[in-house]
């Protein structure tokens, strides 16, 4: 099965200081971000594995990383008469 890794930069989702010991991000819709990733990868015939997504913060910026696999056409099983 063909696979590739991806790293998606979630634009506009950065950590901002809330108070001295903590920083928080703005509210975002996780499912909406996953749909954007699906749309980008669909052009190459790939689909992200949603069960293995990793949400990472690098220098205050949110990145979503994971594995995408090539979509395979369903196989038909039938009987010939």
N, C-alpha and C. Protein backbone atom coordinates (compact mmCIF):
# COMPACT_ATOMS: atom_id res chain seq x y z
N UNK A 1 0.85 -1.17 0.00
CA UNK A 1 0.00 0.00 0.00
C UNK A 1 0.90 1.24 0.00
N UNK A 2 0.63 2.14 -0.90
CA UNK A 2 1.42 3.37 -0.99
C UNK A 2 1.03 4.32 0.13
N UNK A 3 2.04 4.91 0.76
CA UNK A 3 1.82 5.84 1.87
C UNK A 3 2.76 7.02 1.76
N UNK A 4 2.39 8.10 2.44
CA UNK A 4 3.29 9.24 2.58
C UNK A 4 2.97 9.96 3.88
N UNK A 5 3.97 10.66 4.39
CA UNK A 5 3.81 11.45 5.60
C UNK A 5 3.41 12.87 5.22
N UNK A 6 2.68 13.54 6.10
CA UNK A 6 2.34 14.93 5.84
C UNK A 6 2.46 15.74 7.12
N UNK A 7 2.66 17.02 6.95
CA UNK A 7 2.67 17.98 8.05
C UNK A 7 1.89 19.20 7.56
N UNK A 8 0.79 19.49 8.22
CA UNK A 8 -0.10 20.57 7.81
C UNK A 8 0.01 21.72 8.81
N UNK A 9 0.34 22.90 8.32
CA UNK A 9 0.45 24.09 9.16
C UNK A 9 -0.94 24.72 9.28
N UNK A 10 -1.49 24.71 10.48
CA UNK A 10 -2.82 25.28 10.72
C UNK A 10 -2.68 26.80 10.87
N UNK A 11 -2.85 27.50 9.77
CA UNK A 11 -2.68 28.96 9.75
C UNK A 11 -3.58 29.64 10.77
N UNK A 12 -3.03 30.59 11.49
CA UNK A 12 -3.81 31.38 12.43
C UNK A 12 -4.02 30.75 13.79
N UNK A 13 -3.54 29.52 13.97
CA UNK A 13 -3.70 28.87 15.27
C UNK A 13 -2.34 28.86 15.95
N UNK A 14 -2.12 29.92 16.72
CA UNK A 14 -0.85 30.09 17.43
C UNK A 14 -1.14 30.33 18.91
N UNK A 15 -0.19 29.96 19.73
CA UNK A 15 -0.34 30.15 21.17
C UNK A 15 -0.11 31.61 21.53
N UNK A 16 -1.00 32.14 22.36
CA UNK A 16 -0.89 33.52 22.85
C UNK A 16 -0.88 33.46 24.38
N UNK A 17 -0.12 34.34 25.02
CA UNK A 17 -0.08 34.33 26.49
C UNK A 17 -1.46 34.63 27.09
N UNK A 18 -1.87 33.78 28.03
CA UNK A 18 -3.10 34.01 28.78
C UNK A 18 -2.75 34.72 30.08
N UNK A 19 -1.75 34.20 30.75
CA UNK A 19 -1.15 34.84 31.91
C UNK A 19 0.27 34.31 32.02
N UNK A 20 0.95 34.61 33.07
CA UNK A 20 2.37 34.30 33.18
C UNK A 20 2.74 32.84 32.88
N UNK A 21 2.10 31.85 33.50
CA UNK A 21 2.58 30.49 33.27
C UNK A 21 1.92 29.74 32.10
N UNK A 22 0.96 30.33 31.41
CA UNK A 22 0.25 29.54 30.39
C UNK A 22 -0.01 30.35 29.13
N UNK A 23 0.03 29.63 28.00
CA UNK A 23 -0.34 30.19 26.71
C UNK A 23 -1.46 29.31 26.16
N UNK A 24 -2.38 29.92 25.42
CA UNK A 24 -3.49 29.17 24.83
C UNK A 24 -3.67 29.58 23.37
N UNK A 25 -4.34 28.71 22.63
CA UNK A 25 -4.65 29.00 21.23
C UNK A 25 -6.06 29.57 21.14
N UNK A 26 -6.39 30.17 20.01
CA UNK A 26 -7.79 30.54 19.80
C UNK A 26 -8.62 29.26 19.61
N UNK A 27 -9.91 29.37 19.77
CA UNK A 27 -10.80 28.23 19.56
C UNK A 27 -10.77 27.84 18.08
N UNK A 28 -10.72 26.53 17.81
CA UNK A 28 -10.74 26.05 16.43
C UNK A 28 -11.52 24.76 16.36
N UNK A 29 -11.97 24.42 15.14
CA UNK A 29 -12.73 23.20 14.89
C UNK A 29 -11.79 22.15 14.32
N UNK A 30 -11.49 21.15 15.12
CA UNK A 30 -10.55 20.09 14.71
C UNK A 30 -11.04 19.38 13.46
N UNK A 31 -12.33 19.09 13.38
CA UNK A 31 -12.88 18.38 12.22
C UNK A 31 -12.75 19.21 10.95
N UNK A 32 -12.90 20.52 11.07
CA UNK A 32 -12.76 21.40 9.91
C UNK A 32 -11.32 21.34 9.38
N UNK A 33 -10.35 21.32 10.28
CA UNK A 33 -8.94 21.21 9.86
C UNK A 33 -8.68 19.88 9.17
N UNK A 34 -9.25 18.80 9.70
CA UNK A 34 -9.07 17.48 9.09
C UNK A 34 -9.68 17.46 7.69
N UNK A 35 -10.83 18.11 7.51
CA UNK A 35 -11.46 18.18 6.19
C UNK A 35 -10.56 18.93 5.20
N UNK A 36 -9.90 19.99 5.65
CA UNK A 36 -8.98 20.72 4.77
C UNK A 36 -7.82 19.82 4.35
N UNK A 37 -7.31 19.03 5.28
CA UNK A 37 -6.22 18.10 4.96
C UNK A 37 -6.70 17.08 3.94
N UNK A 38 -7.91 16.55 4.14
CA UNK A 38 -8.47 15.57 3.20
C UNK A 38 -8.56 16.15 1.80
N UNK A 39 -9.04 17.40 1.70
CA UNK A 39 -9.19 18.05 0.39
C UNK A 39 -7.85 18.20 -0.32
N UNK A 40 -6.82 18.58 0.43
CA UNK A 40 -5.50 18.76 -0.17
C UNK A 40 -4.93 17.43 -0.65
N UNK A 41 -5.06 16.39 0.16
CA UNK A 41 -4.48 15.09 -0.18
C UNK A 41 -5.29 14.34 -1.24
N UNK A 42 -6.58 14.64 -1.34
CA UNK A 42 -7.45 13.96 -2.30
C UNK A 42 -6.98 14.18 -3.73
N UNK A 43 -6.38 15.34 -4.01
CA UNK A 43 -5.91 15.66 -5.36
C UNK A 43 -4.89 14.64 -5.85
N UNK A 44 -4.12 14.05 -4.93
CA UNK A 44 -3.13 13.04 -5.29
C UNK A 44 -3.65 11.62 -5.09
N UNK A 45 -4.92 11.49 -4.69
CA UNK A 45 -5.50 10.17 -4.47
C UNK A 45 -5.15 9.57 -3.12
N UNK A 46 -4.79 10.41 -2.15
CA UNK A 46 -4.44 9.94 -0.81
C UNK A 46 -5.50 10.36 0.20
N UNK A 47 -5.52 9.63 1.31
CA UNK A 47 -6.47 9.92 2.39
C UNK A 47 -5.72 9.82 3.72
N UNK A 48 -5.89 10.81 4.62
CA UNK A 48 -5.18 10.75 5.91
C UNK A 48 -5.76 9.66 6.80
N UNK A 49 -4.89 9.02 7.58
CA UNK A 49 -5.32 8.06 8.59
C UNK A 49 -5.71 8.87 9.82
N UNK A 50 -7.00 9.07 10.02
CA UNK A 50 -7.49 9.96 11.08
C UNK A 50 -7.21 9.44 12.48
N UNK A 51 -6.96 8.15 12.62
CA UNK A 51 -6.72 7.57 13.94
C UNK A 51 -5.30 7.84 14.44
N UNK A 52 -4.41 8.25 13.56
CA UNK A 52 -3.02 8.45 13.95
C UNK A 52 -2.54 9.89 13.76
N UNK A 53 -3.45 10.85 13.77
CA UNK A 53 -3.05 12.25 13.64
C UNK A 53 -2.34 12.71 14.91
N UNK A 54 -1.32 13.52 14.72
CA UNK A 54 -0.58 14.08 15.85
C UNK A 54 -0.66 15.60 15.77
N UNK A 55 -1.05 16.21 16.87
CA UNK A 55 -1.13 17.66 16.96
C UNK A 55 0.13 18.13 17.67
N UNK A 56 0.95 18.92 16.95
CA UNK A 56 2.23 19.37 17.49
C UNK A 56 2.28 20.89 17.50
N UNK A 57 2.97 21.44 18.48
CA UNK A 57 3.21 22.87 18.56
C UNK A 57 4.69 23.10 18.30
N UNK A 58 5.00 23.89 17.28
CA UNK A 58 6.39 24.24 16.98
C UNK A 58 6.48 25.76 16.95
N UNK A 59 7.26 26.30 17.88
CA UNK A 59 7.43 27.75 18.01
C UNK A 59 6.09 28.47 18.11
N UNK A 60 5.16 27.88 18.86
CA UNK A 60 3.86 28.49 19.09
C UNK A 60 2.83 28.24 18.01
N UNK A 61 3.20 27.59 16.91
CA UNK A 61 2.31 27.35 15.77
C UNK A 61 1.83 25.90 15.79
N UNK A 62 0.53 25.68 15.52
CA UNK A 62 -0.03 24.33 15.47
C UNK A 62 0.27 23.68 14.12
N UNK A 63 0.77 22.45 14.18
CA UNK A 63 0.96 21.60 13.00
C UNK A 63 0.23 20.29 13.25
N UNK A 64 -0.41 19.77 12.21
CA UNK A 64 -1.04 18.45 12.30
C UNK A 64 -0.23 17.54 11.39
N UNK A 65 0.26 16.44 11.96
CA UNK A 65 1.11 15.53 11.22
C UNK A 65 0.50 14.14 11.23
N UNK A 66 0.82 13.37 10.20
CA UNK A 66 0.29 12.02 10.16
C UNK A 66 0.70 11.28 8.91
N UNK A 67 0.01 10.18 8.70
CA UNK A 67 0.26 9.27 7.60
C UNK A 67 -0.94 9.30 6.67
N UNK A 68 -0.68 9.36 5.38
CA UNK A 68 -1.75 9.29 4.38
C UNK A 68 -1.50 8.07 3.50
N UNK A 69 -2.56 7.37 3.15
CA UNK A 69 -2.44 6.18 2.31
C UNK A 69 -3.19 6.40 1.01
N UNK A 70 -2.71 5.73 -0.03
CA UNK A 70 -3.33 5.82 -1.35
C UNK A 70 -4.69 5.15 -1.29
N UNK A 71 -5.69 5.83 -1.80
CA UNK A 71 -7.03 5.24 -1.83
C UNK A 71 -7.06 4.17 -2.92
N UNK A 72 -7.57 3.01 -2.56
CA UNK A 72 -7.65 1.92 -3.51
C UNK A 72 -9.09 1.72 -3.94
N UNK A 73 -9.25 1.38 -5.21
CA UNK A 73 -10.60 1.12 -5.72
C UNK A 73 -11.13 -0.15 -5.05
N UNK A 74 -12.40 -0.15 -4.67
CA UNK A 74 -12.95 -1.35 -4.05
C UNK A 74 -12.93 -2.52 -5.03
N UNK A 75 -12.63 -3.67 -4.49
CA UNK A 75 -12.58 -4.88 -5.32
C UNK A 75 -13.96 -5.52 -5.32
N UNK A 76 -14.39 -5.90 -6.49
CA UNK A 76 -15.69 -6.57 -6.60
C UNK A 76 -15.47 -8.07 -6.57
N UNK A 77 -16.23 -8.72 -5.75
CA UNK A 77 -16.18 -10.18 -5.69
C UNK A 77 -17.52 -10.66 -6.19
N UNK A 78 -17.48 -11.48 -7.19
CA UNK A 78 -18.73 -11.97 -7.75
C UNK A 78 -18.57 -13.36 -8.32
N UNK A 79 -19.66 -13.92 -8.70
CA UNK A 79 -19.66 -15.25 -9.28
C UNK A 79 -20.02 -15.13 -10.74
N UNK A 80 -19.32 -15.88 -11.55
CA UNK A 80 -19.64 -15.90 -12.98
C UNK A 80 -20.62 -17.03 -13.24
N UNK A 81 -21.56 -16.75 -14.11
CA UNK A 81 -22.52 -17.81 -14.41
C UNK A 81 -22.38 -18.29 -15.82
